[in-house]
Amino acid sequence: MIKTSQLIKRVSTAESELEILRGIDLEIKRGETAAIVGASGSGKSTLLGLLAGLDAPSSGEITLDGTNIVNLDEDERATLRSEKVGFVFQNFQLLPALTALENVMLPLELAGIDEAREKSEEFLSRVGLAERFHHYPRTLSGGEQQRVAIARAFASQPVILFADEPTGNLDTTTGATVVELLFGLNKEEGTTLVLVTHDNTLADRCQRKFTMTAGHLEEAS
């Protein structure tokens, strides 16, 4: 499902070239749940972005559901993401001019998915926002915006779901609801779940747990 080989990511700074990822070898099978933990700045979010095709590595290979995404151009990676990948990131990435419902519907409509409105309403209701369909992001709390982002990711029923601190901006009760949705989707749909988190309780619920340290990745025994 997901496989990397000697994955390296470097960025140039004013003083020198900084190596963020240092030869990552990783394999996650279809339907597995995997957590990546580590200190801030260790490279875990960079790795997640590369696995999702949001950025390109300096060298190495990334295979996503049988496709080597390193060989794809930006448009081809975008098409692959729309067909197979869901995202839940910390900064929500909601469009301010669209309501909660419209934010969830938009990627479904762009992908030509039938019953986009019905699916969007269903998943917004599942994350507790049945009364917020027509609210704009600026009128929603941070936790509510995160739940819109989660509903958007779930609604497309992706093959792979990437989540970066999915409960980081949520209160305990809402966070618990989101966790159950994450693992429920994995169980019901066979969705492969890869998440970055500082929450060890959440990480321990995953079948596999990896620790990122200074650009190196190790799997916990």
C-alpha atoms as a PDB file:
ATOM      1  CA  MET A   1       0.000   0.000   0.000  1.00  0.00           C
ATOM      2  CA  ILE A   2       2.681   2.494   1.098  1.00  0.00           C
ATOM      3  CA  LYS A   3       6.377   1.859   0.618  1.00  0.00           C
ATOM      4  CA  THR A   4       9.439   4.088   0.672  1.00  0.00           C
ATOM      5  CA  SER A   5      13.052   3.309  -0.152  1.00  0.00           C
ATOM      6  CA  GLN A   6      15.946   5.469   1.023  1.00  0.00           C
ATOM      7  CA  LEU A   7      13.749   8.531   1.167  1.00  0.00           C
ATOM      8  CA  ILE A   8      15.732  11.743   1.628  1.00  0.00           C
ATOM      9  CA  LYS A   9      14.511  15.333   1.902  1.00  0.00           C
ATOM     10  CA  ARG A  10      16.872  18.313   1.923  1.00  0.00           C
ATOM     11  CA  VAL A  11      16.111  22.032   2.010  1.00  0.00           C
ATOM     12  CA  SER A  12      18.465  24.913   1.364  1.00  0.00           C
ATOM     13  CA  THR A  13      19.012  27.556   4.022  1.00  0.00           C
ATOM     14  CA  ALA A  14      21.002  30.789   3.950  1.00  0.00           C
ATOM     15  CA  GLU A  15      23.943  29.020   5.569  1.00  0.00           C
ATOM     16  CA  SER A  16      23.823  25.475   4.217  1.00  0.00           C
ATOM     17  CA  GLU A  17      21.686  22.574   3.055  1.00  0.00           C
ATOM     18  CA  LEU A  18      19.588  20.967   5.801  1.00  0.00           C
ATOM     19  CA  GLU A  19      18.759  17.257   5.612  1.00  0.00           C
ATOM     20  CA  ILE A  20      15.311  16.749   7.170  1.00  0.00           C
ATOM     21  CA  LEU A  21      14.807  13.073   6.286  1.00  0.00           C
ATOM     22  CA  ARG A  22      17.751  10.720   6.186  1.00  0.00           C
ATOM     23  CA  GLY A  23      17.148   7.564   4.206  1.00  0.00           C
ATOM     24  CA  ILE A  24      13.668   6.463   5.334  1.00  0.00           C
ATOM     25  CA  ASP A  25      12.654   2.861   4.575  1.00  0.00           C
ATOM     26  CA  LEU A  26       9.007   2.205   5.395  1.00  0.00           C
ATOM     27  CA  GLU A  27       6.289  -0.243   4.394  1.00  0.00           C
ATOM     28  CA  ILE A  28       2.652  -0.073   5.526  1.00  0.00           C
ATOM     29  CA  LYS A  29       0.201  -2.714   4.327  1.00  0.00           C
ATOM     30  CA  ARG A  30      -3.342  -2.169   3.105  1.00  0.00           C
ATOM     31  CA  GLY A  31      -5.783  -1.628   5.957  1.00  0.00           C
ATOM     32  CA  GLU A  32      -3.141  -1.123   8.642  1.00  0.00           C
ATOM     33  CA  THR A  33      -3.151   1.680  11.189  1.00  0.00           C
ATOM     34  CA  ALA A  34       0.202   3.348  11.819  1.00  0.00           C
ATOM     35  CA  ALA A  35       1.288   6.219  14.048  1.00  0.00           C
ATOM     36  CA  ILE A  36       4.388   8.383  13.687  1.00  0.00           C
ATOM     37  CA  VAL A  37       5.499  10.098  16.878  1.00  0.00           C
ATOM     38  CA  GLY A  38       8.447  12.345  17.674  1.00  0.00           C
ATOM     39  CA  ALA A  39       9.520  15.737  18.918  1.00  0.00           C
ATOM     40  CA  SER A  40       8.688  18.918  17.025  1.00  0.00           C
ATOM     41  CA  GLY A  41      11.168  19.392  14.193  1.00  0.00           C
ATOM     42  CA  SER A  42      12.044  15.704  13.950  1.00  0.00           C
ATOM     43  CA  GLY A  43      10.690  15.446  10.384  1.00  0.00           C
ATOM     44  CA  LYS A  44       7.455  13.536  10.945  1.00  0.00           C
ATOM     45  CA  SER A  45       5.131  16.068   9.247  1.00  0.00           C
ATOM     46  CA  THR A  46       7.583  16.355   6.353  1.00  0.00           C
ATOM     47  CA  LEU A  47       7.417  12.587   5.933  1.00  0.00           C
ATOM     48  CA  LEU A  48       3.619  12.642   5.988  1.00  0.00           C
ATOM     49  CA  GLY A  49       3.542  15.317   3.292  1.00  0.00           C
ATOM     50  CA  LEU A  50       5.849  13.284   1.076  1.00  0.00           C
ATOM     51  CA  LEU A  51       3.826  10.086   1.544  1.00  0.00           C
ATOM     52  CA  ALA A  52       0.687  12.000   0.556  1.00  0.00           C
ATOM     53  CA  GLY A  53       2.300  13.432  -2.561  1.00  0.00           C
ATOM     54  CA  LEU A  54       2.073  17.022  -1.333  1.00  0.00           C
ATOM     55  CA  ASP A  55       5.819  17.483  -1.771  1.00  0.00           C
ATOM     56  CA  ALA A  56       8.604  15.788  -3.695  1.00  0.00           C
ATOM     57  CA  PRO A  57      11.650  14.119  -2.092  1.00  0.00           C
ATOM     58  CA  SER A  58      15.234  15.078  -2.837  1.00  0.00           C
ATOM     59  CA  SER A  59      15.904  11.403  -3.613  1.00  0.00           C
ATOM     60  CA  GLY A  60      14.443   7.975  -2.979  1.00  0.00           C
ATOM     61  CA  GLU A  61      11.235   6.203  -3.954  1.00  0.00           C
ATOM     62  CA  ILE A  62       7.620   6.388  -2.734  1.00  0.00           C
ATOM     63  CA  THR A  63       5.040   3.834  -3.854  1.00  0.00           C
ATOM     64  CA  LEU A  64       1.411   4.599  -3.048  1.00  0.00           C
ATOM     65  CA  ASP A  65      -1.130   1.877  -3.803  1.00  0.00           C
ATOM     66  CA  GLY A  66       1.100   0.443  -6.516  1.00  0.00           C
ATOM     67  CA  THR A  67       2.073   3.766  -8.116  1.00  0.00           C
ATOM     68  CA  ASN A  68       5.553   5.293  -7.855  1.00  0.00           C
ATOM     69  CA  ILE A  69       4.497   8.864  -7.137  1.00  0.00           C
ATOM     70  CA  VAL A  70       8.037  10.232  -7.474  1.00  0.00           C
ATOM     71  CA  ASN A  71       7.679   9.752 -11.236  1.00  0.00           C
ATOM     72  CA  LEU A  72       4.429  11.729 -11.425  1.00  0.00           C
ATOM     73  CA  ASP A  73       4.154  15.409 -12.212  1.00  0.00           C
ATOM     74  CA  GLU A  74       2.168  17.763  -9.987  1.00  0.00           C
ATOM     75  CA  ASP A  75      -1.104  17.322 -11.900  1.00  0.00           C
ATOM     76  CA  GLU A  76      -0.794  13.539 -11.853  1.00  0.00           C
ATOM     77  CA  ARG A  77      -0.135  13.542  -8.104  1.00  0.00           C
ATOM     78  CA  ALA A  78      -3.195  15.767  -7.611  1.00  0.00           C
ATOM     79  CA  THR A  79      -5.343  13.298  -9.568  1.00  0.00           C
ATOM     80  CA  LEU A  80      -4.046  10.394  -7.497  1.00  0.00           C
ATOM     81  CA  ARG A  81      -4.811  12.262  -4.269  1.00  0.00           C
ATOM     82  CA  SER A  82      -8.366  13.083  -5.360  1.00  0.00           C
ATOM     83  CA  GLU A  83      -9.027   9.429  -6.175  1.00  0.00           C
ATOM     84  CA  LYS A  84      -7.380   7.656  -3.258  1.00  0.00           C
ATOM     85  CA  VAL A  85      -6.250   9.953  -0.448  1.00  0.00           C
ATOM     86  CA  GLY A  86      -7.943  11.778   2.411  1.00  0.00           C
ATOM     87  CA  PHE A  87      -6.291  14.427   4.614  1.00  0.00           C
ATOM     88  CA  VAL A  88      -6.771  15.768   8.103  1.00  0.00           C
ATOM     89  CA  PHE A  89      -4.223  18.456   8.889  1.00  0.00           C
ATOM     90  CA  GLN A  90      -3.836  20.892  11.781  1.00  0.00           C
ATOM     91  CA  ASN A  91      -4.485  24.054   9.794  1.00  0.00           C
ATOM     92  CA  PHE A  92      -7.904  22.782   8.563  1.00  0.00           C
ATOM     93  CA  GLN A  93      -7.455  24.182   4.991  1.00  0.00           C
ATOM     94  CA  LEU A  94     -11.090  25.281   4.812  1.00  0.00           C
ATOM     95  CA  LEU A  95     -12.170  27.821   2.202  1.00  0.00           C
ATOM     96  CA  PRO A  96     -13.454  30.898   4.091  1.00  0.00           C
ATOM     97  CA  ALA A  97     -16.023  31.862   1.428  1.00  0.00           C
ATOM     98  CA  LEU A  98     -17.755  28.463   1.628  1.00  0.00           C
ATOM     99  CA  THR A  99     -20.039  27.106   4.353  1.00  0.00           C
ATOM    100  CA  ALA A 100     -19.162  23.963   6.279  1.00  0.00           C
ATOM    101  CA  LEU A 101     -21.401  21.929   3.978  1.00  0.00           C
ATOM    102  CA  GLU A 102     -19.932  23.483   0.838  1.00  0.00           C
ATOM    103  CA  ASN A 103     -16.377  22.838   2.071  1.00  0.00           C
ATOM    104  CA  VAL A 104     -17.173  19.139   2.402  1.00  0.00           C
ATOM    105  CA  MET A 105     -19.117  18.977  -0.866  1.00  0.00           C
ATOM    106  CA  LEU A 106     -16.531  20.718  -3.060  1.00  0.00           C
ATOM    107  CA  PRO A 107     -13.954  17.908  -3.426  1.00  0.00           C
ATOM    108  CA  LEU A 108     -16.752  15.389  -3.962  1.00  0.00           C
ATOM    109  CA  GLU A 109     -18.252  17.486  -6.734  1.00  0.00           C
ATOM    110  CA  LEU A 110     -14.847  18.041  -8.348  1.00  0.00           C
ATOM    111  CA  ALA A 111     -14.302  14.274  -8.318  1.00  0.00           C
ATOM    112  CA  GLY A 112     -17.728  13.688  -9.894  1.00  0.00           C
ATOM    113  CA  ILE A 113     -19.021  11.703  -6.910  1.00  0.00           C
ATOM    114  CA  ASP A 114     -22.778  11.129  -6.907  1.00  0.00           C
ATOM    115  CA  GLU A 115     -24.934  12.373  -4.040  1.00  0.00           C
ATOM    116  CA  ALA A 116     -22.249  14.802  -2.859  1.00  0.00           C
ATOM    117  CA  ARG A 117     -24.705  16.761  -0.727  1.00  0.00           C
ATOM    118  CA  GLU A 118     -26.148  13.682   0.976  1.00  0.00           C
ATOM    119  CA  LYS A 119     -22.696  12.261   1.744  1.00  0.00           C
ATOM    120  CA  SER A 120     -21.511  15.619   3.070  1.00  0.00           C
ATOM    121  CA  GLU A 121     -24.515  16.012   5.347  1.00  0.00           C
ATOM    122  CA  GLU A 122     -24.047  12.454   6.632  1.00  0.00           C
ATOM    123  CA  PHE A 123     -20.420  12.927   7.617  1.00  0.00           C
ATOM    124  CA  LEU A 124     -20.922  16.387   9.084  1.00  0.00           C
ATOM    125  CA  SER A 125     -23.649  14.883  11.231  1.00  0.00           C
ATOM    126  CA  ARG A 126     -21.352  12.037  12.272  1.00  0.00           C
ATOM    127  CA  VAL A 127     -18.824  14.540  13.632  1.00  0.00           C
ATOM    128  CA  GLY A 128     -21.528  16.401  15.531  1.00  0.00           C
ATOM    129  CA  LEU A 129     -22.126  19.344  13.196  1.00  0.00           C
ATOM    130  CA  ALA A 130     -25.704  18.713  12.072  1.00  0.00           C
ATOM    131  CA  GLU A 131     -26.619  22.215  13.248  1.00  0.00           C
ATOM    132  CA  ARG A 132     -23.663  23.886  11.525  1.00  0.00           C
ATOM    133  CA  PHE A 133     -24.186  23.005   7.838  1.00  0.00           C
ATOM    134  CA  HIS A 134     -24.570  26.627   6.760  1.00  0.00           C
ATOM    135  CA  HIS A 135     -21.995  28.262   9.049  1.00  0.00           C
ATOM    136  CA  TYR A 136     -18.834  29.788   7.568  1.00  0.00           C
ATOM    137  CA  PRO A 137     -15.400  28.871   9.002  1.00  0.00           C
ATOM    138  CA  ARG A 138     -15.015  32.272  10.676  1.00  0.00           C
ATOM    139  CA  THR A 139     -18.114  31.571  12.776  1.00  0.00           C
ATOM    140  CA  LEU A 140     -16.889  28.139  13.906  1.00  0.00           C
ATOM    141  CA  SER A 141     -14.554  27.369  16.774  1.00  0.00           C
ATOM    142  CA  GLY A 142     -11.181  25.752  16.090  1.00  0.00           C
ATOM    143  CA  GLY A 143     -12.547  22.397  17.155  1.00  0.00           C
ATOM    144  CA  GLU A 144     -15.555  22.751  14.882  1.00  0.00           C
ATOM    145  CA  GLN A 145     -13.339  23.689  11.944  1.00  0.00           C
ATOM    146  CA  GLN A 146     -11.246  20.583  12.588  1.00  0.00           C
ATOM    147  CA  ARG A 147     -14.389  18.459  12.550  1.00  0.00           C
ATOM    148  CA  VAL A 148     -15.381  19.962   9.187  1.00  0.00           C
ATOM    149  CA  ALA A 149     -11.953  19.010   7.860  1.00  0.00           C
ATOM    150  CA  ILE A 150     -12.401  15.481   9.204  1.00  0.00           C
ATOM    151  CA  ALA A 151     -15.857  15.165   7.646  1.00  0.00           C
ATOM    152  CA  ARG A 152     -14.395  16.331   4.329  1.00  0.00           C
ATOM    153  CA  ALA A 153     -11.689  13.672   4.522  1.00  0.00           C
ATOM    154  CA  PHE A 154     -14.142  10.907   5.452  1.00  0.00           C
ATOM    155  CA  ALA A 155     -16.798  11.814   2.878  1.00  0.00           C
ATOM    156  CA  SER A 156     -14.695  10.764  -0.105  1.00  0.00           C
ATOM    157  CA  GLN A 157     -14.188   7.322   1.521  1.00  0.00           C
ATOM    158  CA  PRO A 158     -10.479   7.288   0.700  1.00  0.00           C
ATOM    159  CA  VAL A 159      -8.248   4.244   0.341  1.00  0.00           C
ATOM    160  CA  ILE A 160      -5.619   5.994   2.483  1.00  0.00           C
ATOM    161  CA  LEU A 161      -6.192   8.586   5.190  1.00  0.00           C
ATOM    162  CA  PHE A 162      -3.321  10.780   6.392  1.00  0.00           C
ATOM    163  CA  ALA A 163      -3.868  12.720   9.613  1.00  0.00           C
ATOM    164  CA  ASP A 164      -1.515  15.272  11.193  1.00  0.00           C
ATOM    165  CA  GLU A 165      -2.407  15.813  14.866  1.00  0.00           C
ATOM    166  CA  PRO A 166      -6.100  15.046  14.215  1.00  0.00           C
ATOM    167  CA  THR A 167      -7.112  15.661  17.841  1.00  0.00           C
ATOM    168  CA  GLY A 168      -4.642  18.464  18.578  1.00  0.00           C
ATOM    169  CA  ASN A 169      -7.213  21.295  18.546  1.00  0.00           C
ATOM    170  CA  LEU A 170     -10.104  19.399  20.076  1.00  0.00           C
ATOM    171  CA  ASP A 171     -11.440  19.086  23.598  1.00  0.00           C
ATOM    172  CA  THR A 172     -11.308  15.672  25.253  1.00  0.00           C
ATOM    173  CA  THR A 173     -14.872  14.664  24.410  1.00  0.00           C
ATOM    174  CA  THR A 174     -14.713  15.764  20.779  1.00  0.00           C
ATOM    175  CA  GLY A 175     -11.247  14.259  20.416  1.00  0.00           C
ATOM    176  CA  ALA A 176     -12.558  10.902  21.616  1.00  0.00           C
ATOM    177  CA  THR A 177     -15.350  11.089  19.024  1.00  0.00           C
ATOM    178  CA  VAL A 178     -12.854  11.841  16.267  1.00  0.00           C
ATOM    179  CA  VAL A 179     -10.630   8.939  17.336  1.00  0.00           C
ATOM    180  CA  GLU A 180     -13.569   6.542  17.127  1.00  0.00           C
ATOM    181  CA  LEU A 181     -14.396   7.871  13.651  1.00  0.00           C
ATOM    182  CA  LEU A 182     -10.802   7.416  12.507  1.00  0.00           C
ATOM    183  CA  PHE A 183     -10.629   3.816  13.622  1.00  0.00           C
ATOM    184  CA  GLY A 184     -14.212   3.134  12.582  1.00  0.00           C
ATOM    185  CA  LEU A 185     -13.410   4.176   9.019  1.00  0.00           C
ATOM    186  CA  ASN A 186     -10.348   1.932   9.062  1.00  0.00           C
ATOM    187  CA  LYS A 187     -12.431  -1.016  10.256  1.00  0.00           C
ATOM    188  CA  GLU A 188     -15.542  -0.500   8.134  1.00  0.00           C
ATOM    189  CA  GLU A 189     -13.931   0.595   4.871  1.00  0.00           C
ATOM    190  CA  GLY A 190     -10.523  -1.070   5.119  1.00  0.00           C
ATOM    191  CA  THR A 191      -8.956   2.370   4.884  1.00  0.00           C
ATOM    192  CA  THR A 192      -5.235   2.528   5.578  1.00  0.00           C
ATOM    193  CA  LEU A 193      -4.663   5.075   8.358  1.00  0.00           C
ATOM    194  CA  VAL A 194      -1.362   6.896   8.867  1.00  0.00           C
ATOM    195  CA  LEU A 195      -1.250   9.587  11.523  1.00  0.00           C
ATOM    196  CA  VAL A 196       1.237  11.939  13.130  1.00  0.00           C
ATOM    197  CA  THR A 197       0.498  12.652  16.777  1.00  0.00           C
ATOM    198  CA  HIS A 198       1.923  13.743  20.110  1.00  0.00           C
ATOM    199  CA  ASP A 199      -0.854  11.784  21.829  1.00  0.00           C
ATOM    200  CA  ASN A 200       0.656   8.484  22.961  1.00  0.00           C
ATOM    201  CA  THR A 201      -2.777   7.137  23.898  1.00  0.00           C
ATOM    202  CA  LEU A 202      -3.886   7.654  20.299  1.00  0.00           C
ATOM    203  CA  ALA A 203      -0.624   6.248  18.908  1.00  0.00           C
ATOM    204  CA  ASP A 204      -0.927   3.142  21.086  1.00  0.00           C
ATOM    205  CA  ARG A 205      -4.285   2.338  19.483  1.00  0.00           C
ATOM    206  CA  CYS A 206      -2.545   1.866  16.138  1.00  0.00           C
ATOM    207  CA  GLN A 207      -1.307  -1.529  15.027  1.00  0.00           C
ATOM    208  CA  ARG A 208       2.142  -0.071  14.360  1.00  0.00           C
ATOM    209  CA  LYS A 209       4.041   2.792  15.979  1.00  0.00           C
ATOM    210  CA  PHE A 210       7.081   4.559  14.557  1.00  0.00           C
ATOM    211  CA  THR A 211       9.341   7.087  16.236  1.00  0.00           C
ATOM    212  CA  MET A 212      11.017   9.871  14.263  1.00  0.00           C
ATOM    213  CA  THR A 213      14.282  11.221  15.679  1.00  0.00           C
ATOM    214  CA  ALA A 214      16.383  13.794  13.795  1.00  0.00           C
ATOM    215  CA  GLY A 215      15.240  12.533  10.409  1.00  0.00           C
ATOM    216  CA  HIS A 216      15.561   8.821  11.216  1.00  0.00           C
ATOM    217  CA  LEU A 217      12.569   6.487  11.573  1.00  0.00           C
ATOM    218  CA  GLU A 218      12.414   3.436  13.831  1.00  0.00           C
ATOM    219  CA  GLU A 219       9.499   1.100  14.550  1.00  0.00           C
ATOM    220  CA  ALA A 220       8.665   0.443  18.176  1.00  0.00           C
ATOM    221  CA  SER A 221       8.896  -3.199  19.172  1.00  0.00           C
END
